[in-house]
Every structure is written in C-alpha cells, then in structure tokens.
Amino acid sequence: MLLDVRERWEWEIARIAGAQHIPMREVPSRVEELERDRDVVAICHHGGRSLQVAMFLEKNGFARVHNLQGGVDAWSRTVDPAVPLY
C-alpha cells in the first residue's frame, strides 16, 4: 500500500498512481483505515514527513512499514517523469 501523507494541495499537483492519500496530521485519527498485515510505503515530498509517519506506524503495531526515500520528488526524477515536480 502506498500511503501519501502530503497536504491536499501537494496531492493535487503531483501523485503516484494508486497511492492512498491521508495527510500526516490525520494519520493518528485514521490509522484504523490502514491494514496492519500489508506492506505500507509512506510517501511525502522529499521523505521527511513520511519517515515520521513510518516511525509512528511502527510504534503502533505496523511491522511492514517503509519510507520512500527522496519522496515523490525522487520518484518523478528517477521512475516516472510524468509526475510533475514542484
């Protein structure tokens, strides 16, 4: 599962296809929407906020959590240039 934790305005500019959007500040109140037995890849613009969310999820019982290092910016630069940079 791809979990995009950026703000709505960022999500509207650029996103990775198939990602679920839950802004970082909403993750604690919406954590039950996430499946604990799936791999979760947290995504933000450059990787800082998503790292914080990944650590939060691990502390709350998620065993298979990953952070997309470099965020959507790195994804656009190295994987899918169709995703806009901002």
N, C-alpha and C. Protein backbone atom coordinates (compact mmCIF):
# COMPACT_ATOMS: atom_id res chain seq x y z
N MET A 1 0.83 -1.17 0.00
CA MET A 1 0.00 0.00 0.00
C MET A 1 0.88 1.24 0.00
N LEU A 2 0.60 2.16 -0.90
CA LEU A 2 1.30 3.44 -0.94
C LEU A 2 0.47 4.45 -0.16
N LEU A 3 1.07 5.05 0.86
CA LEU A 3 0.38 5.99 1.72
C LEU A 3 1.00 7.37 1.55
N ASP A 4 0.30 8.25 0.87
CA ASP A 4 0.79 9.60 0.62
C ASP A 4 0.32 10.50 1.75
N VAL A 5 1.27 11.06 2.50
CA VAL A 5 0.93 11.84 3.70
C VAL A 5 1.08 13.35 3.48
N ARG A 6 1.19 13.78 2.23
CA ARG A 6 1.33 15.21 1.95
C ARG A 6 -0.01 15.92 2.09
N GLU A 7 0.06 17.24 2.06
CA GLU A 7 -1.15 18.05 2.13
C GLU A 7 -1.94 17.93 0.84
N ARG A 8 -3.23 18.25 0.91
CA ARG A 8 -4.11 18.12 -0.26
C ARG A 8 -3.59 18.91 -1.46
N TRP A 9 -3.11 20.15 -1.23
CA TRP A 9 -2.63 20.96 -2.34
C TRP A 9 -1.46 20.29 -3.04
N GLU A 10 -0.61 19.57 -2.29
CA GLU A 10 0.52 18.86 -2.89
C GLU A 10 0.01 17.67 -3.70
N TRP A 11 -0.95 16.96 -3.13
CA TRP A 11 -1.56 15.79 -3.77
C TRP A 11 -2.19 16.19 -5.11
N GLU A 12 -2.80 17.36 -5.14
CA GLU A 12 -3.45 17.82 -6.37
C GLU A 12 -2.45 18.18 -7.45
N ILE A 13 -1.24 18.56 -7.08
CA ILE A 13 -0.20 18.90 -8.06
C ILE A 13 0.43 17.66 -8.65
N ALA A 14 0.81 16.72 -7.79
CA ALA A 14 1.55 15.54 -8.24
C ALA A 14 1.25 14.36 -7.33
N ARG A 15 1.06 13.19 -7.92
CA ARG A 15 0.81 12.00 -7.11
C ARG A 15 1.27 10.76 -7.84
N ILE A 16 1.55 9.73 -7.07
CA ILE A 16 1.90 8.42 -7.62
C ILE A 16 0.62 7.63 -7.77
N ALA A 17 0.39 7.13 -8.96
CA ALA A 17 -0.85 6.38 -9.24
C ALA A 17 -1.03 5.24 -8.25
N GLY A 18 -2.25 5.13 -7.72
CA GLY A 18 -2.60 4.06 -6.81
C GLY A 18 -2.37 4.35 -5.34
N ALA A 19 -1.76 5.50 -5.03
CA ALA A 19 -1.50 5.83 -3.64
C ALA A 19 -2.78 6.28 -2.94
N GLN A 20 -2.86 5.95 -1.65
CA GLN A 20 -3.96 6.42 -0.81
C GLN A 20 -3.50 7.70 -0.13
N HIS A 21 -4.36 8.70 -0.10
CA HIS A 21 -3.98 9.99 0.48
C HIS A 21 -4.58 10.15 1.86
N ILE A 22 -3.71 10.27 2.87
CA ILE A 22 -4.10 10.64 4.22
C ILE A 22 -3.05 11.64 4.69
N PRO A 23 -3.41 12.92 4.80
CA PRO A 23 -2.43 13.91 5.25
C PRO A 23 -1.83 13.52 6.62
N MET A 24 -0.57 13.86 6.79
CA MET A 24 0.17 13.48 8.00
C MET A 24 -0.61 13.77 9.28
N ARG A 25 -1.19 14.94 9.38
CA ARG A 25 -1.88 15.32 10.62
C ARG A 25 -3.11 14.46 10.89
N GLU A 26 -3.63 13.78 9.86
CA GLU A 26 -4.82 12.94 10.02
C GLU A 26 -4.49 11.47 10.29
N VAL A 27 -3.24 11.08 10.12
CA VAL A 27 -2.88 9.67 10.28
C VAL A 27 -3.26 9.12 11.65
N PRO A 28 -2.95 9.82 12.76
CA PRO A 28 -3.32 9.24 14.07
C PRO A 28 -4.82 8.95 14.21
N SER A 29 -5.66 9.82 13.69
CA SER A 29 -7.10 9.61 13.84
C SER A 29 -7.67 8.65 12.79
N ARG A 30 -6.88 8.35 11.77
CA ARG A 30 -7.37 7.47 10.70
C ARG A 30 -6.56 6.18 10.57
N VAL A 31 -5.72 5.91 11.55
CA VAL A 31 -4.82 4.76 11.48
C VAL A 31 -5.58 3.44 11.28
N GLU A 32 -6.80 3.35 11.77
CA GLU A 32 -7.58 2.11 11.62
C GLU A 32 -7.99 1.85 10.17
N GLU A 33 -7.86 2.84 9.30
CA GLU A 33 -8.15 2.64 7.87
C GLU A 33 -7.05 1.85 7.18
N LEU A 34 -5.91 1.71 7.84
CA LEU A 34 -4.76 1.02 7.26
C LEU A 34 -4.72 -0.43 7.71
N GLU A 35 -4.31 -1.31 6.81
CA GLU A 35 -4.24 -2.73 7.12
C GLU A 35 -2.88 -3.06 7.70
N ARG A 36 -2.88 -3.58 8.93
CA ARG A 36 -1.63 -3.85 9.63
C ARG A 36 -0.83 -5.00 9.04
N ASP A 37 -1.47 -5.88 8.28
CA ASP A 37 -0.76 -7.04 7.74
C ASP A 37 -0.25 -6.82 6.32
N ARG A 38 -0.32 -5.59 5.82
CA ARG A 38 0.20 -5.27 4.49
C ARG A 38 1.46 -4.43 4.61
N ASP A 39 2.27 -4.47 3.56
CA ASP A 39 3.39 -3.52 3.47
C ASP A 39 2.81 -2.14 3.26
N VAL A 40 3.32 -1.16 3.99
CA VAL A 40 2.91 0.23 3.84
C VAL A 40 4.16 1.03 3.47
N VAL A 41 4.08 1.74 2.34
CA VAL A 41 5.16 2.62 1.92
C VAL A 41 4.67 4.05 2.09
N ALA A 42 5.26 4.77 3.05
CA ALA A 42 4.87 6.15 3.31
C ALA A 42 5.59 7.08 2.34
N ILE A 43 4.84 8.07 1.83
CA ILE A 43 5.36 8.97 0.80
C ILE A 43 5.05 10.42 1.18
N CYS A 44 6.03 11.30 0.98
CA CYS A 44 5.79 12.74 1.07
C CYS A 44 6.59 13.41 -0.05
N HIS A 45 6.88 14.68 0.08
CA HIS A 45 7.59 15.40 -0.99
C HIS A 45 9.05 14.95 -1.10
N HIS A 46 9.79 14.98 0.01
CA HIS A 46 11.20 14.61 -0.02
C HIS A 46 11.57 13.47 0.92
N GLY A 47 10.67 13.00 1.75
CA GLY A 47 10.94 11.85 2.61
C GLY A 47 10.97 12.12 4.09
N GLY A 48 10.93 13.37 4.52
CA GLY A 48 10.99 13.69 5.95
C GLY A 48 9.71 13.41 6.71
N ARG A 49 8.62 13.93 6.20
CA ARG A 49 7.32 13.71 6.88
C ARG A 49 6.95 12.24 6.83
N SER A 50 7.19 11.61 5.70
CA SER A 50 6.84 10.19 5.58
C SER A 50 7.67 9.33 6.52
N LEU A 51 8.91 9.73 6.80
CA LEU A 51 9.73 8.99 7.77
C LEU A 51 9.09 9.10 9.15
N GLN A 52 8.61 10.28 9.51
CA GLN A 52 7.94 10.44 10.81
C GLN A 52 6.69 9.57 10.89
N VAL A 53 5.92 9.52 9.80
CA VAL A 53 4.71 8.68 9.78
C VAL A 53 5.09 7.22 9.87
N ALA A 54 6.14 6.81 9.16
CA ALA A 54 6.58 5.41 9.21
C ALA A 54 6.96 5.03 10.65
N MET A 55 7.68 5.90 11.34
CA MET A 55 8.05 5.62 12.73
C MET A 55 6.81 5.55 13.62
N PHE A 56 5.84 6.44 13.40
CA PHE A 56 4.58 6.41 14.16
C PHE A 56 3.87 5.07 13.94
N LEU A 57 3.78 4.64 12.69
CA LEU A 57 3.10 3.38 12.39
C LEU A 57 3.81 2.20 13.05
N GLU A 58 5.13 2.18 12.99
CA GLU A 58 5.87 1.10 13.64
C GLU A 58 5.60 1.07 15.14
N LYS A 59 5.56 2.23 15.77
CA LYS A 59 5.28 2.29 17.21
C LYS A 59 3.86 1.86 17.53
N ASN A 60 2.99 1.85 16.51
CA ASN A 60 1.60 1.48 16.71
C ASN A 60 1.26 0.12 16.11
N GLY A 61 2.24 -0.75 16.02
CA GLY A 61 1.99 -2.14 15.69
C GLY A 61 2.09 -2.54 14.22
N PHE A 62 2.53 -1.64 13.36
CA PHE A 62 2.70 -1.99 11.95
C PHE A 62 4.12 -2.52 11.77
N ALA A 63 4.24 -3.75 11.33
CA ALA A 63 5.55 -4.40 11.23
C ALA A 63 6.20 -4.21 9.86
N ARG A 64 5.42 -3.95 8.84
CA ARG A 64 5.95 -3.90 7.47
C ARG A 64 5.79 -2.48 6.91
N VAL A 65 6.56 -1.55 7.45
CA VAL A 65 6.48 -0.15 7.07
C VAL A 65 7.77 0.29 6.41
N HIS A 66 7.65 1.07 5.36
CA HIS A 66 8.81 1.57 4.62
C HIS A 66 8.61 3.05 4.33
N ASN A 67 9.71 3.75 4.13
CA ASN A 67 9.67 5.16 3.78
C ASN A 67 10.24 5.29 2.36
N LEU A 68 9.52 6.01 1.50
CA LEU A 68 10.04 6.26 0.15
C LEU A 68 11.08 7.37 0.26
N GLN A 69 12.34 6.96 0.31
CA GLN A 69 13.44 7.91 0.47
C GLN A 69 13.48 8.85 -0.74
N GLY A 70 13.53 10.12 -0.48
CA GLY A 70 13.53 11.12 -1.55
C GLY A 70 12.15 11.53 -1.99
N GLY A 71 11.13 10.81 -1.53
CA GLY A 71 9.74 11.16 -1.77
C GLY A 71 9.30 11.18 -3.21
N VAL A 72 8.18 11.86 -3.42
CA VAL A 72 7.59 11.94 -4.76
C VAL A 72 8.53 12.71 -5.70
N ASP A 73 9.37 13.57 -5.15
CA ASP A 73 10.34 14.30 -5.96
C ASP A 73 11.32 13.32 -6.60
N ALA A 74 11.88 12.42 -5.81
CA ALA A 74 12.81 11.42 -6.34
C ALA A 74 12.10 10.45 -7.29
N TRP A 75 10.86 10.10 -6.98
CA TRP A 75 10.08 9.22 -7.84
C TRP A 75 9.96 9.84 -9.23
N SER A 76 9.64 11.12 -9.27
CA SER A 76 9.49 11.82 -10.54
C SER A 76 10.80 11.87 -11.30
N ARG A 77 11.89 12.10 -10.60
CA ARG A 77 13.19 12.24 -11.24
C ARG A 77 13.78 10.92 -11.71
N THR A 78 13.45 9.80 -11.03
CA THR A 78 14.11 8.54 -11.35
C THR A 78 13.21 7.44 -11.88
N VAL A 79 11.90 7.52 -11.63
CA VAL A 79 11.00 6.44 -12.02
C VAL A 79 9.97 6.88 -13.05
N ASP A 80 9.25 7.94 -12.76
CA ASP A 80 8.14 8.36 -13.61
C ASP A 80 8.18 9.87 -13.84
N PRO A 81 8.84 10.32 -14.91
CA PRO A 81 8.93 11.76 -15.17
C PRO A 81 7.60 12.41 -15.51
N ALA A 82 6.55 11.62 -15.69
CA ALA A 82 5.22 12.20 -15.94
C ALA A 82 4.63 12.80 -14.67
N VAL A 83 5.17 12.42 -13.50
CA VAL A 83 4.73 13.01 -12.24
C VAL A 83 5.39 14.37 -12.12
N PRO A 84 4.60 15.45 -12.05
CA PRO A 84 5.17 16.81 -12.03
C PRO A 84 6.06 17.06 -10.82
N LEU A 85 7.08 17.86 -11.05
CA LEU A 85 7.92 18.36 -9.95
C LEU A 85 7.31 19.65 -9.42
N TYR A 86 7.50 19.92 -8.15
CA TYR A 86 7.02 21.19 -7.58
C TYR A 86 7.94 21.61 -6.47
